Amino acid sequence: MAIIEARGLARTFRSRKRTVEAVRGVDLTVGEGEIVGFLGPNGAGKTTTLRMLTTLLKPTAGTATVAGADLLSSPLEVRKKIGYVPQAIGETMGGTDPSCLVIEELLDQAALYRIGGAQARRRAELLTDQLELTGLEQRLVKTLSGGQRRRLEIALGLVHRPPLVFLDEPTTGLDPQSRSNLWEHIASLRRDAPVTHAAGPGASGVPADATGSAATGKE
């Protein structure tokens, strides 16, 4: 069963001087449980495609169903059903607060999805165990290594048990060993539960069984 189904997905940017076809008619089918990497040269439209599928950018043309919800008519339902791990750039890295404790970040994220109390703590305990963050719960985020912080960001994207997780440049800034370890963790999560992972630009070192998909167009 397809968890992402896109047909003719396109995005055009217009200014007074010119029109740029950032993504030109992408057809994409992703099955449940797959790990998919968006691969291609600079300017192929990878980032734009990812932003459209996560409801951050409205398509100019085409249709798509993401996690069973219509991308155009039900963007809120799409957001409820997906996890999103942003790029690790800037002071806040992938969206984590450097002044917060690891456990605070996890419980706050759970609260955003109306998961509270004992259930939130059980979920946090499970994710810290799966992503080898056990023992770091009372550490400030800013004291974590790059690999630990990236695993925390993935945990935040999984708190509400989404069937589909988007990872935007998940290995940027990590050394080769940390990149390899991160993909091992992602692969183990897929083995434990039927979660689909879609990795965006910069998805270097993706597992050998991942599917590569290149968007066409110009950014």
N, C-alpha and C. Protein backbone atom coordinates (compact mmCIF):
# COMPACT_ATOMS: atom_id res chain seq x y z
N MET A 1 0.85 -1.20 0.00
CA MET A 1 0.00 0.00 0.00
C MET A 1 0.88 1.25 0.00
N ALA A 2 0.52 2.22 -0.82
CA ALA A 2 1.32 3.44 -0.94
C ALA A 2 1.03 4.39 0.21
N ILE A 3 2.08 4.91 0.82
CA ILE A 3 1.90 5.90 1.87
C ILE A 3 2.12 7.31 1.32
N ILE A 4 2.82 7.41 0.18
CA ILE A 4 2.92 8.65 -0.58
C ILE A 4 2.57 8.34 -2.03
N GLU A 5 1.63 9.09 -2.57
CA GLU A 5 1.23 8.92 -3.97
C GLU A 5 1.10 10.31 -4.57
N ALA A 6 2.03 10.67 -5.45
CA ALA A 6 2.01 11.99 -6.07
C ALA A 6 1.96 11.85 -7.58
N ARG A 7 1.18 12.67 -8.22
CA ARG A 7 1.06 12.66 -9.68
C ARG A 7 1.10 14.08 -10.21
N GLY A 8 2.06 14.32 -11.09
CA GLY A 8 2.17 15.63 -11.74
C GLY A 8 2.46 16.77 -10.79
N LEU A 9 3.11 16.47 -9.66
CA LEU A 9 3.37 17.50 -8.65
C LEU A 9 4.36 18.53 -9.21
N ALA A 10 3.99 19.79 -9.14
CA ALA A 10 4.82 20.84 -9.74
C ALA A 10 4.77 22.10 -8.88
N ARG A 11 5.85 22.87 -9.01
CA ARG A 11 5.90 24.15 -8.32
C ARG A 11 6.63 25.16 -9.19
N THR A 12 5.96 26.27 -9.45
CA THR A 12 6.53 27.34 -10.25
C THR A 12 6.63 28.61 -9.41
N PHE A 13 7.77 29.26 -9.49
CA PHE A 13 7.96 30.54 -8.81
C PHE A 13 7.99 31.64 -9.86
N ARG A 14 7.24 32.68 -9.61
CA ARG A 14 7.16 33.77 -10.58
C ARG A 14 7.60 35.09 -9.95
N SER A 15 8.32 35.86 -10.73
CA SER A 15 8.67 37.22 -10.33
C SER A 15 8.37 38.13 -11.52
N ARG A 16 8.66 39.39 -11.39
CA ARG A 16 8.38 40.31 -12.49
C ARG A 16 9.21 40.01 -13.72
N LYS A 17 10.42 39.50 -13.49
CA LYS A 17 11.35 39.31 -14.60
C LYS A 17 11.33 37.92 -15.21
N ARG A 18 10.99 36.89 -14.41
CA ARG A 18 11.08 35.54 -14.95
C ARG A 18 10.22 34.55 -14.18
N THR A 19 10.06 33.39 -14.79
CA THR A 19 9.34 32.29 -14.18
C THR A 19 10.28 31.10 -14.06
N VAL A 20 10.34 30.51 -12.87
CA VAL A 20 11.23 29.38 -12.63
C VAL A 20 10.39 28.14 -12.30
N GLU A 21 10.59 27.09 -13.08
CA GLU A 21 9.91 25.81 -12.79
C GLU A 21 10.81 25.01 -11.85
N ALA A 22 10.57 25.16 -10.55
CA ALA A 22 11.42 24.49 -9.56
C ALA A 22 11.22 22.99 -9.59
N VAL A 23 9.98 22.56 -9.72
CA VAL A 23 9.65 21.13 -9.84
C VAL A 23 8.66 21.00 -10.98
N ARG A 24 8.95 20.05 -11.86
CA ARG A 24 8.19 19.94 -13.10
C ARG A 24 7.56 18.55 -13.21
N GLY A 25 6.33 18.42 -12.69
CA GLY A 25 5.55 17.21 -12.90
C GLY A 25 6.14 15.94 -12.31
N VAL A 26 6.32 15.89 -11.00
CA VAL A 26 6.88 14.71 -10.34
C VAL A 26 5.80 13.66 -10.10
N ASP A 27 6.09 12.43 -10.50
CA ASP A 27 5.27 11.27 -10.17
C ASP A 27 6.04 10.43 -9.16
N LEU A 28 5.42 10.12 -8.04
CA LEU A 28 6.14 9.44 -6.97
C LEU A 28 5.21 8.50 -6.22
N THR A 29 5.66 7.27 -6.02
CA THR A 29 4.92 6.30 -5.21
C THR A 29 5.88 5.70 -4.19
N VAL A 30 5.51 5.79 -2.92
CA VAL A 30 6.32 5.23 -1.85
C VAL A 30 5.46 4.27 -1.04
N GLY A 31 5.95 3.05 -0.86
CA GLY A 31 5.20 2.05 -0.11
C GLY A 31 5.46 2.13 1.38
N GLU A 32 4.56 1.56 2.16
CA GLU A 32 4.73 1.53 3.61
C GLU A 32 6.00 0.77 3.99
N GLY A 33 6.74 1.32 4.95
CA GLY A 33 7.92 0.66 5.45
C GLY A 33 9.19 0.90 4.66
N GLU A 34 9.11 1.66 3.57
CA GLU A 34 10.30 1.93 2.76
C GLU A 34 11.15 3.04 3.38
N ILE A 35 12.43 3.01 3.04
CA ILE A 35 13.32 4.15 3.28
C ILE A 35 13.66 4.71 1.92
N VAL A 36 13.29 5.95 1.67
CA VAL A 36 13.43 6.56 0.36
C VAL A 36 14.32 7.80 0.46
N GLY A 37 15.32 7.88 -0.40
CA GLY A 37 16.18 9.04 -0.45
C GLY A 37 15.91 9.87 -1.69
N PHE A 38 15.76 11.18 -1.52
CA PHE A 38 15.59 12.08 -2.65
C PHE A 38 16.99 12.46 -3.14
N LEU A 39 17.38 11.88 -4.25
CA LEU A 39 18.73 12.06 -4.76
C LEU A 39 18.71 12.80 -6.08
N GLY A 40 19.78 13.54 -6.37
CA GLY A 40 19.87 14.23 -7.64
C GLY A 40 20.83 15.41 -7.54
N PRO A 41 21.18 15.99 -8.67
CA PRO A 41 22.13 17.12 -8.68
C PRO A 41 21.52 18.37 -8.09
N ASN A 42 22.37 19.35 -7.79
CA ASN A 42 21.88 20.64 -7.31
C ASN A 42 20.91 21.24 -8.32
N GLY A 43 19.81 21.76 -7.82
CA GLY A 43 18.83 22.37 -8.71
C GLY A 43 17.82 21.40 -9.28
N ALA A 44 17.84 20.14 -8.82
CA ALA A 44 16.90 19.15 -9.36
C ALA A 44 15.50 19.29 -8.78
N GLY A 45 15.34 20.06 -7.71
CA GLY A 45 14.01 20.24 -7.12
C GLY A 45 13.75 19.40 -5.89
N LYS A 46 14.81 18.85 -5.29
CA LYS A 46 14.64 17.94 -4.15
C LYS A 46 14.03 18.65 -2.94
N THR A 47 14.61 19.79 -2.57
CA THR A 47 14.12 20.52 -1.41
C THR A 47 12.69 21.00 -1.62
N THR A 48 12.41 21.49 -2.80
CA THR A 48 11.06 21.97 -3.10
C THR A 48 10.04 20.84 -3.02
N THR A 49 10.41 19.67 -3.53
CA THR A 49 9.51 18.52 -3.46
C THR A 49 9.24 18.13 -2.01
N LEU A 50 10.29 18.09 -1.20
CA LEU A 50 10.13 17.75 0.21
C LEU A 50 9.23 18.76 0.91
N ARG A 51 9.42 20.02 0.62
CA ARG A 51 8.61 21.07 1.26
C ARG A 51 7.14 20.96 0.85
N MET A 52 6.88 20.56 -0.38
CA MET A 52 5.50 20.37 -0.80
C MET A 52 4.85 19.19 -0.09
N LEU A 53 5.57 18.08 -0.01
CA LEU A 53 5.01 16.87 0.60
C LEU A 53 4.78 17.02 2.11
N THR A 54 5.48 17.96 2.74
CA THR A 54 5.30 18.20 4.18
C THR A 54 4.39 19.39 4.46
N THR A 55 3.71 19.90 3.46
CA THR A 55 2.73 21.00 3.53
C THR A 55 3.36 22.35 3.79
N LEU A 56 4.68 22.47 3.68
CA LEU A 56 5.35 23.75 3.91
C LEU A 56 5.29 24.66 2.69
N LEU A 57 4.94 24.08 1.55
CA LEU A 57 4.87 24.84 0.30
C LEU A 57 3.73 24.25 -0.54
N LYS A 58 2.84 25.11 -0.99
CA LYS A 58 1.69 24.64 -1.76
C LYS A 58 2.08 24.37 -3.21
N PRO A 59 1.73 23.21 -3.76
CA PRO A 59 2.05 22.91 -5.15
C PRO A 59 1.31 23.85 -6.10
N THR A 60 1.94 24.13 -7.22
CA THR A 60 1.29 24.92 -8.27
C THR A 60 0.34 24.04 -9.08
N ALA A 61 0.71 22.77 -9.23
CA ALA A 61 -0.11 21.83 -9.99
C ALA A 61 0.12 20.43 -9.46
N GLY A 62 -0.78 19.52 -9.84
CA GLY A 62 -0.63 18.13 -9.46
C GLY A 62 -1.44 17.75 -8.23
N THR A 63 -1.40 16.48 -7.90
CA THR A 63 -2.13 15.95 -6.75
C THR A 63 -1.20 15.05 -5.94
N ALA A 64 -1.54 14.87 -4.66
CA ALA A 64 -0.76 13.97 -3.82
C ALA A 64 -1.58 13.55 -2.61
N THR A 65 -1.36 12.30 -2.22
CA THR A 65 -1.91 11.77 -0.98
C THR A 65 -0.74 11.37 -0.10
N VAL A 66 -0.73 11.87 1.12
CA VAL A 66 0.37 11.61 2.05
C VAL A 66 -0.22 11.01 3.33
N ALA A 67 0.19 9.79 3.65
CA ALA A 67 -0.30 9.08 4.84
C ALA A 67 -1.82 9.02 4.86
N GLY A 68 -2.41 8.85 3.68
CA GLY A 68 -3.85 8.70 3.59
C GLY A 68 -4.64 9.98 3.54
N ALA A 69 -3.99 11.13 3.60
CA ALA A 69 -4.67 12.43 3.58
C ALA A 69 -4.32 13.19 2.31
N ASP A 70 -5.28 13.92 1.79
CA ASP A 70 -5.06 14.69 0.58
C ASP A 70 -4.22 15.93 0.88
N LEU A 71 -3.13 16.08 0.14
CA LEU A 71 -2.17 17.15 0.41
C LEU A 71 -2.79 18.53 0.21
N LEU A 72 -3.67 18.68 -0.76
CA LEU A 72 -4.23 19.99 -1.09
C LEU A 72 -5.44 20.34 -0.25
N SER A 73 -6.35 19.39 -0.06
CA SER A 73 -7.59 19.70 0.65
C SER A 73 -7.51 19.46 2.16
N SER A 74 -6.54 18.66 2.61
CA SER A 74 -6.46 18.34 4.04
C SER A 74 -5.02 18.44 4.57
N PRO A 75 -4.39 19.60 4.42
CA PRO A 75 -3.00 19.71 4.89
C PRO A 75 -2.84 19.50 6.39
N LEU A 76 -3.84 19.88 7.19
CA LEU A 76 -3.77 19.68 8.63
C LEU A 76 -3.73 18.20 8.97
N GLU A 77 -4.53 17.40 8.26
CA GLU A 77 -4.52 15.95 8.49
C GLU A 77 -3.16 15.34 8.12
N VAL A 78 -2.55 15.88 7.05
CA VAL A 78 -1.22 15.42 6.68
C VAL A 78 -0.24 15.68 7.82
N ARG A 79 -0.30 16.88 8.39
CA ARG A 79 0.63 17.25 9.47
C ARG A 79 0.46 16.37 10.70
N LYS A 80 -0.78 15.95 10.97
CA LYS A 80 -1.04 15.10 12.12
C LYS A 80 -0.42 13.72 11.95
N LYS A 81 -0.27 13.29 10.70
CA LYS A 81 0.12 11.92 10.41
C LYS A 81 1.59 11.74 10.04
N ILE A 82 2.31 12.84 9.95
CA ILE A 82 3.72 12.73 9.58
C ILE A 82 4.62 13.25 10.70
N GLY A 83 5.85 12.77 10.70
CA GLY A 83 6.88 13.34 11.53
C GLY A 83 7.82 14.12 10.62
N TYR A 84 8.37 15.20 11.12
CA TYR A 84 9.27 16.02 10.29
C TYR A 84 10.49 16.41 11.10
N VAL A 85 11.66 16.07 10.59
CA VAL A 85 12.92 16.41 11.25
C VAL A 85 13.63 17.42 10.34
N PRO A 86 13.66 18.70 10.73
CA PRO A 86 14.24 19.74 9.88
C PRO A 86 15.75 19.67 9.80
N GLN A 87 16.31 20.48 8.93
CA GLN A 87 17.76 20.54 8.76
C GLN A 87 18.43 20.99 10.06
N ALA A 88 19.63 20.48 10.28
CA ALA A 88 20.41 20.87 11.46
C ALA A 88 21.27 22.07 11.10
N ILE A 89 20.65 23.25 11.04
CA ILE A 89 21.39 24.46 10.70
C ILE A 89 21.04 25.56 11.70
N GLY A 90 21.96 26.50 11.87
CA GLY A 90 21.71 27.63 12.74
C GLY A 90 21.84 27.30 14.21
N GLU A 91 21.55 28.26 15.05
CA GLU A 91 21.71 28.10 16.49
C GLU A 91 20.81 27.03 17.06
N THR A 92 19.59 26.91 16.52
CA THR A 92 18.64 25.93 17.05
C THR A 92 18.78 24.58 16.38
N MET A 93 19.78 24.43 15.52
CA MET A 93 20.02 23.15 14.86
C MET A 93 18.73 22.65 14.21
N GLY A 94 18.30 21.44 14.55
CA GLY A 94 17.10 20.87 13.92
C GLY A 94 15.82 21.18 14.64
N GLY A 95 15.76 22.29 15.36
CA GLY A 95 14.54 22.69 16.04
C GLY A 95 14.58 22.47 17.53
N THR A 96 15.65 21.90 18.06
CA THR A 96 15.76 21.71 19.50
C THR A 96 16.26 22.98 20.18
N ASP A 97 15.87 23.13 21.44
CA ASP A 97 16.27 24.30 22.23
C ASP A 97 17.51 23.93 23.04
N PRO A 98 18.64 24.58 22.81
CA PRO A 98 19.88 24.22 23.50
C PRO A 98 19.81 24.39 25.02
N SER A 99 18.88 25.22 25.51
CA SER A 99 18.79 25.48 26.94
C SER A 99 17.85 24.53 27.68
N CYS A 100 17.22 23.61 26.93
CA CYS A 100 16.28 22.66 27.54
C CYS A 100 16.96 21.33 27.84
N LEU A 101 16.38 20.59 28.77
CA LEU A 101 16.83 19.24 29.02
C LEU A 101 16.27 18.31 27.95
N VAL A 102 16.95 17.20 27.71
CA VAL A 102 16.49 16.23 26.71
C VAL A 102 15.08 15.76 27.03
N ILE A 103 14.80 15.43 28.29
CA ILE A 103 13.48 14.93 28.65
C ILE A 103 12.42 16.01 28.47
N GLU A 104 12.78 17.27 28.72
CA GLU A 104 11.83 18.37 28.52
C GLU A 104 11.43 18.48 27.06
N GLU A 105 12.39 18.36 26.18
CA GLU A 105 12.09 18.44 24.75
C GLU A 105 11.11 17.34 24.34
N LEU A 106 11.35 16.13 24.82
CA LEU A 106 10.49 15.00 24.47
C LEU A 106 9.07 15.17 25.02
N LEU A 107 8.97 15.59 26.27
CA LEU A 107 7.64 15.75 26.88
C LEU A 107 6.89 16.94 26.28
N ASP A 108 7.61 18.01 25.94
CA ASP A 108 6.96 19.16 25.31
C ASP A 108 6.42 18.78 23.93
N GLN A 109 7.21 17.99 23.18
CA GLN A 109 6.76 17.57 21.86
C GLN A 109 5.52 16.68 21.98
N ALA A 110 5.53 15.80 22.97
CA ALA A 110 4.37 14.94 23.20
C ALA A 110 3.14 15.78 23.52
N ALA A 111 3.32 16.82 24.32
CA ALA A 111 2.19 17.67 24.70
C ALA A 111 1.58 18.37 23.49
N LEU A 112 2.41 18.71 22.52
CA LEU A 112 1.90 19.35 21.30
C LEU A 112 0.92 18.45 20.56
N TYR A 113 1.11 17.15 20.71
CA TYR A 113 0.21 16.18 20.08
C TYR A 113 -0.80 15.62 21.08
N ARG A 114 -0.97 16.35 22.18
CA ARG A 114 -1.94 16.00 23.21
C ARG A 114 -1.69 14.62 23.81
N ILE A 115 -0.42 14.30 23.95
CA ILE A 115 -0.01 13.09 24.66
C ILE A 115 0.60 13.54 25.97
N GLY A 116 0.01 13.14 27.07
CA GLY A 116 0.50 13.64 28.34
C GLY A 116 0.68 12.57 29.39
N GLY A 117 1.13 13.00 30.57
CA GLY A 117 1.24 12.12 31.71
C GLY A 117 2.11 10.91 31.50
N ALA A 118 1.62 9.78 32.02
CA ALA A 118 2.38 8.54 31.98
C ALA A 118 2.64 8.07 30.56
N GLN A 119 1.68 8.30 29.66
CA GLN A 119 1.85 7.86 28.28
C GLN A 119 3.02 8.58 27.62
N ALA A 120 3.14 9.87 27.87
CA ALA A 120 4.24 10.65 27.30
C ALA A 120 5.58 10.16 27.84
N ARG A 121 5.64 9.87 29.12
CA ARG A 121 6.89 9.40 29.71
C ARG A 121 7.27 8.01 29.21
N ARG A 122 6.27 7.15 29.00
CA ARG A 122 6.56 5.83 28.44
C ARG A 122 7.10 5.96 27.03
N ARG A 123 6.51 6.86 26.26
CA ARG A 123 6.95 7.07 24.89
C ARG A 123 8.38 7.62 24.87
N ALA A 124 8.67 8.56 25.75
CA ALA A 124 10.01 9.14 25.84
C ALA A 124 11.02 8.07 26.23
N GLU A 125 10.65 7.22 27.18
CA GLU A 125 11.55 6.15 27.62
C GLU A 125 11.85 5.18 26.49
N LEU A 126 10.82 4.84 25.72
CA LEU A 126 11.00 3.91 24.60
C LEU A 126 11.93 4.51 23.54
N LEU A 127 11.72 5.76 23.20
CA LEU A 127 12.52 6.39 22.15
C LEU A 127 13.96 6.61 22.58
N THR A 128 14.17 6.99 23.82
CA THR A 128 15.55 7.18 24.28
C THR A 128 16.29 5.84 24.27
N ASP A 129 15.57 4.77 24.56
CA ASP A 129 16.18 3.44 24.51
C ASP A 129 16.50 3.04 23.07
N GLN A 130 15.55 3.23 22.17
CA GLN A 130 15.73 2.84 20.76
C GLN A 130 16.84 3.62 20.09
N LEU A 131 17.00 4.87 20.46
CA LEU A 131 17.97 5.75 19.80
C LEU A 131 19.23 5.98 20.63
N GLU A 132 19.44 5.11 21.63
CA GLU A 132 20.64 5.15 22.47
C GLU A 132 20.86 6.52 23.11
N LEU A 133 19.80 7.04 23.70
CA LEU A 133 19.87 8.30 24.44
C LEU A 133 19.64 8.08 25.93
N THR A 134 19.51 6.83 26.34
CA THR A 134 19.30 6.52 27.75
C THR A 134 20.46 7.05 28.59
N GLY A 135 20.12 7.71 29.68
CA GLY A 135 21.13 8.31 30.55
C GLY A 135 21.41 9.76 30.24
N LEU A 136 20.84 10.25 29.14
CA LEU A 136 21.05 11.64 28.74
C LEU A 136 19.82 12.50 29.01
N GLU A 137 18.80 11.93 29.61
CA GLU A 137 17.53 12.63 29.79
C GLU A 137 17.67 13.94 30.55
N GLN A 138 18.57 14.00 31.52
CA GLN A 138 18.74 15.21 32.34
C GLN A 138 19.87 16.11 31.85
N ARG A 139 20.37 15.83 30.67
CA ARG A 139 21.43 16.67 30.08
C ARG A 139 20.80 17.81 29.30
N LEU A 140 21.46 18.96 29.31
CA LEU A 140 21.04 20.06 28.45
C LEU A 140 21.33 19.70 27.00
N VAL A 141 20.44 20.10 26.12
CA VAL A 141 20.61 19.78 24.70
C VAL A 141 21.94 20.29 24.17
N LYS A 142 22.35 21.46 24.62
CA LYS A 142 23.58 22.07 24.10
C LYS A 142 24.84 21.28 24.47
N THR A 143 24.74 20.37 25.42
CA THR A 143 25.90 19.57 25.82
C THR A 143 26.01 18.26 25.03
N LEU A 144 25.04 17.97 24.17
CA LEU A 144 25.06 16.73 23.41
C LEU A 144 26.02 16.83 22.23
N SER A 145 26.54 15.69 21.80
CA SER A 145 27.35 15.66 20.59
C SER A 145 26.43 15.84 19.38
N GLY A 146 27.03 16.06 18.20
CA GLY A 146 26.24 16.23 16.99
C GLY A 146 25.35 15.03 16.70
N GLY A 147 25.91 13.84 16.84
CA GLY A 147 25.14 12.63 16.58
C GLY A 147 24.03 12.43 17.59
N GLN A 148 24.30 12.70 18.87
CA GLN A 148 23.27 12.58 19.90
C GLN A 148 22.13 13.56 19.67
N ARG A 149 22.49 14.77 19.29
CA ARG A 149 21.46 15.79 19.07
C ARG A 149 20.60 15.44 17.86
N ARG A 150 21.22 14.88 16.84
CA ARG A 150 20.43 14.49 15.66
C ARG A 150 19.49 13.35 16.00
N ARG A 151 19.94 12.41 16.84
CA ARG A 151 19.07 11.31 17.25
C ARG A 151 17.91 11.83 18.11
N LEU A 152 18.17 12.85 18.92
CA LEU A 152 17.09 13.47 19.69
C LEU A 152 16.05 14.09 18.76
N GLU A 153 16.52 14.75 17.72
CA GLU A 153 15.59 15.38 16.78
C GLU A 153 14.73 14.33 16.07
N ILE A 154 15.32 13.19 15.77
CA ILE A 154 14.54 12.11 15.18
C ILE A 154 13.52 11.59 16.18
N ALA A 155 13.92 11.48 17.44
CA ALA A 155 12.98 11.04 18.49
C ALA A 155 11.79 11.99 18.57
N LEU A 156 12.05 13.30 18.45
CA LEU A 156 10.96 14.28 18.49
C LEU A 156 9.99 14.06 17.33
N GLY A 157 10.53 13.68 16.18
CA GLY A 157 9.68 13.42 15.03
C GLY A 157 8.87 12.15 15.12
N LEU A 158 9.23 11.30 16.09
CA LEU A 158 8.56 10.00 16.25
C LEU A 158 7.66 9.92 17.47
N VAL A 159 7.62 10.98 18.29
CA VAL A 159 6.89 10.94 19.55
C VAL A 159 5.44 10.51 19.37
N HIS A 160 4.77 11.01 18.35
CA HIS A 160 3.34 10.74 18.17
C HIS A 160 3.05 9.52 17.30
N ARG A 161 4.07 8.67 17.11
CA ARG A 161 3.93 7.42 16.35
C ARG A 161 3.42 7.64 14.92
N PRO A 162 4.05 8.51 14.16
CA PRO A 162 3.58 8.73 12.78
C PRO A 162 3.97 7.55 11.90
N PRO A 163 3.16 7.23 10.91
CA PRO A 163 3.52 6.15 9.98
C PRO A 163 4.54 6.59 8.94
N LEU A 164 4.79 7.90 8.86
CA LEU A 164 5.69 8.46 7.85
C LEU A 164 6.53 9.56 8.48
N VAL A 165 7.85 9.51 8.28
CA VAL A 165 8.75 10.52 8.82
C VAL A 165 9.60 11.10 7.70
N PHE A 166 9.64 12.42 7.62
CA PHE A 166 10.48 13.12 6.65
C PHE A 166 11.74 13.62 7.37
N LEU A 167 12.90 13.31 6.81
CA LEU A 167 14.17 13.74 7.37
C LEU A 167 14.84 14.68 6.38
N ASP A 168 15.01 15.93 6.76
CA ASP A 168 15.60 16.92 5.86
C ASP A 168 17.10 17.01 6.13
N GLU A 169 17.89 16.53 5.18
CA GLU A 169 19.35 16.50 5.28
C GLU A 169 19.79 15.94 6.64
N PRO A 170 19.43 14.69 6.91
CA PRO A 170 19.64 14.13 8.26
C PRO A 170 21.09 13.98 8.69
N THR A 171 22.02 13.89 7.73
CA THR A 171 23.41 13.62 8.13
C THR A 171 24.34 14.82 7.95
N THR A 172 23.78 15.98 7.61
CA THR A 172 24.60 17.18 7.42
C THR A 172 25.36 17.53 8.70
N GLY A 173 26.67 17.74 8.57
CA GLY A 173 27.49 18.14 9.70
C GLY A 173 28.02 16.99 10.53
N LEU A 174 27.64 15.76 10.20
CA LEU A 174 28.12 14.61 10.96
C LEU A 174 29.34 13.99 10.29
N ASP A 175 30.23 13.43 11.09
CA ASP A 175 31.38 12.75 10.52
C ASP A 175 30.94 11.40 9.94
N PRO A 176 31.77 10.76 9.10
CA PRO A 176 31.37 9.51 8.44
C PRO A 176 30.85 8.43 9.38
N GLN A 177 31.50 8.24 10.54
CA GLN A 177 31.06 7.21 11.47
C GLN A 177 29.70 7.55 12.06
N SER A 178 29.50 8.82 12.40
CA SER A 178 28.21 9.23 12.96
C SER A 178 27.10 9.09 11.92
N ARG A 179 27.43 9.36 10.66
CA ARG A 179 26.44 9.18 9.59
C ARG A 179 26.02 7.72 9.49
N SER A 180 27.00 6.85 9.51
CA SER A 180 26.71 5.42 9.42
C SER A 180 25.87 4.96 10.60
N ASN A 181 26.23 5.42 11.80
CA ASN A 181 25.49 5.04 13.00
C ASN A 181 24.05 5.53 12.94
N LEU A 182 23.86 6.76 12.43
CA LEU A 182 22.52 7.31 12.35
C LEU A 182 21.63 6.48 11.45
N TRP A 183 22.16 6.07 10.29
CA TRP A 183 21.36 5.26 9.38
C TRP A 183 21.08 3.88 9.95
N GLU A 184 21.99 3.36 10.75
CA GLU A 184 21.73 2.09 11.42
C GLU A 184 20.56 2.22 12.39
N HIS A 185 20.50 3.34 13.10
CA HIS A 185 19.39 3.58 14.02
C HIS A 185 18.07 3.69 13.25
N ILE A 186 18.10 4.40 12.13
CA ILE A 186 16.88 4.56 11.34
C ILE A 186 16.40 3.21 10.79
N ALA A 187 17.34 2.39 10.32
CA ALA A 187 16.99 1.07 9.82
C ALA A 187 16.41 0.20 10.93
N SER A 188 16.95 0.31 12.14
CA SER A 188 16.43 -0.50 13.25
C SER A 188 15.02 -0.07 13.63
N LEU A 189 14.72 1.23 13.52
CA LEU A 189 13.37 1.71 13.81
C LEU A 189 12.38 1.11 12.82
N ARG A 190 12.78 0.99 11.58
CA ARG A 190 11.90 0.40 10.58
C ARG A 190 11.65 -1.08 10.87
N ARG A 191 12.67 -1.76 11.38
CA ARG A 191 12.49 -3.17 11.72
C ARG A 191 11.53 -3.35 12.89
N ASP A 192 11.56 -2.41 13.84
CA ASP A 192 10.73 -2.52 15.03
C ASP A 192 9.28 -2.13 14.77
N ALA A 193 9.04 -1.25 13.81
CA ALA A 193 7.69 -0.78 13.51
C ALA A 193 7.63 -0.37 12.04
N PRO A 194 6.44 -0.50 11.40
CA PRO A 194 6.32 -0.18 9.98
C PRO A 194 6.29 1.32 9.71
N VAL A 195 7.44 1.98 9.93
CA VAL A 195 7.53 3.42 9.71
C VAL A 195 8.26 3.66 8.39
N THR A 196 7.71 4.54 7.57
CA THR A 196 8.34 4.92 6.30
C THR A 196 9.18 6.16 6.54
N HIS A 197 10.42 6.16 6.01
CA HIS A 197 11.30 7.31 6.15
C HIS A 197 11.62 7.88 4.77
N ALA A 198 11.36 9.16 4.60
CA ALA A 198 11.71 9.85 3.36
C ALA A 198 12.80 10.86 3.69
N ALA A 199 14.00 10.63 3.15
CA ALA A 199 15.14 11.49 3.45
C ALA A 199 15.36 12.48 2.33
N GLY A 200 15.52 13.74 2.68
CA GLY A 200 15.65 14.78 1.69
C GLY A 200 17.08 15.01 1.26
N PRO A 201 17.36 16.16 0.63
CA PRO A 201 18.69 16.47 0.10
C PRO A 201 19.78 16.27 1.15
N GLY A 202 20.92 15.78 0.70
CA GLY A 202 22.02 15.56 1.62
C GLY A 202 21.92 14.23 2.32
N ALA A 203 21.07 13.33 1.83
CA ALA A 203 20.87 12.03 2.47
C ALA A 203 22.00 11.07 2.10
N SER A 204 23.21 11.49 2.42
CA SER A 204 24.36 10.67 2.08
C SER A 204 24.46 9.49 3.03
N GLY A 205 24.92 8.35 2.50
CA GLY A 205 25.09 7.17 3.32
C GLY A 205 23.81 6.42 3.59
N VAL A 206 22.77 6.64 2.78
CA VAL A 206 21.51 5.94 3.00
C VAL A 206 21.73 4.45 2.89
N PRO A 207 20.93 3.61 3.58
CA PRO A 207 21.11 2.18 3.52
C PRO A 207 21.04 1.64 2.10
N ALA A 208 21.69 0.50 1.88
CA ALA A 208 21.76 -0.07 0.53
C ALA A 208 20.40 -0.43 -0.02
N ASP A 209 19.43 -0.73 0.86
CA ASP A 209 18.11 -1.14 0.39
C ASP A 209 17.15 0.03 0.23
N ALA A 210 17.66 1.26 0.41
CA ALA A 210 16.81 2.43 0.24
C ALA A 210 16.53 2.66 -1.24
N THR A 211 15.38 3.28 -1.49
CA THR A 211 14.99 3.63 -2.85
C THR A 211 15.44 5.05 -3.15
N GLY A 212 16.08 5.28 -4.28
CA GLY A 212 16.49 6.63 -4.66
C GLY A 212 15.48 7.23 -5.60
N SER A 213 15.08 8.45 -5.36
CA SER A 213 14.10 9.11 -6.21
C SER A 213 14.57 10.53 -6.46
N ALA A 214 14.70 10.90 -7.73
CA ALA A 214 15.16 12.25 -8.06
C ALA A 214 14.03 13.08 -8.63
N ALA A 215 13.82 14.25 -8.05
CA ALA A 215 12.82 15.17 -8.60
C ALA A 215 13.42 15.88 -9.81
N THR A 216 12.59 16.24 -10.77
CA THR A 216 13.08 16.91 -11.97
C THR A 216 12.60 18.34 -12.01
N GLY A 217 13.44 19.22 -12.52
CA GLY A 217 13.09 20.62 -12.62
C GLY A 217 14.28 21.48 -12.25
N LYS A 218 14.04 22.70 -11.89
CA LYS A 218 15.11 23.61 -11.52
C LYS A 218 14.69 24.34 -10.25
N GLU A 219 15.66 24.50 -9.34
CA GLU A 219 15.38 25.28 -8.15
C GLU A 219 15.97 26.68 -8.30
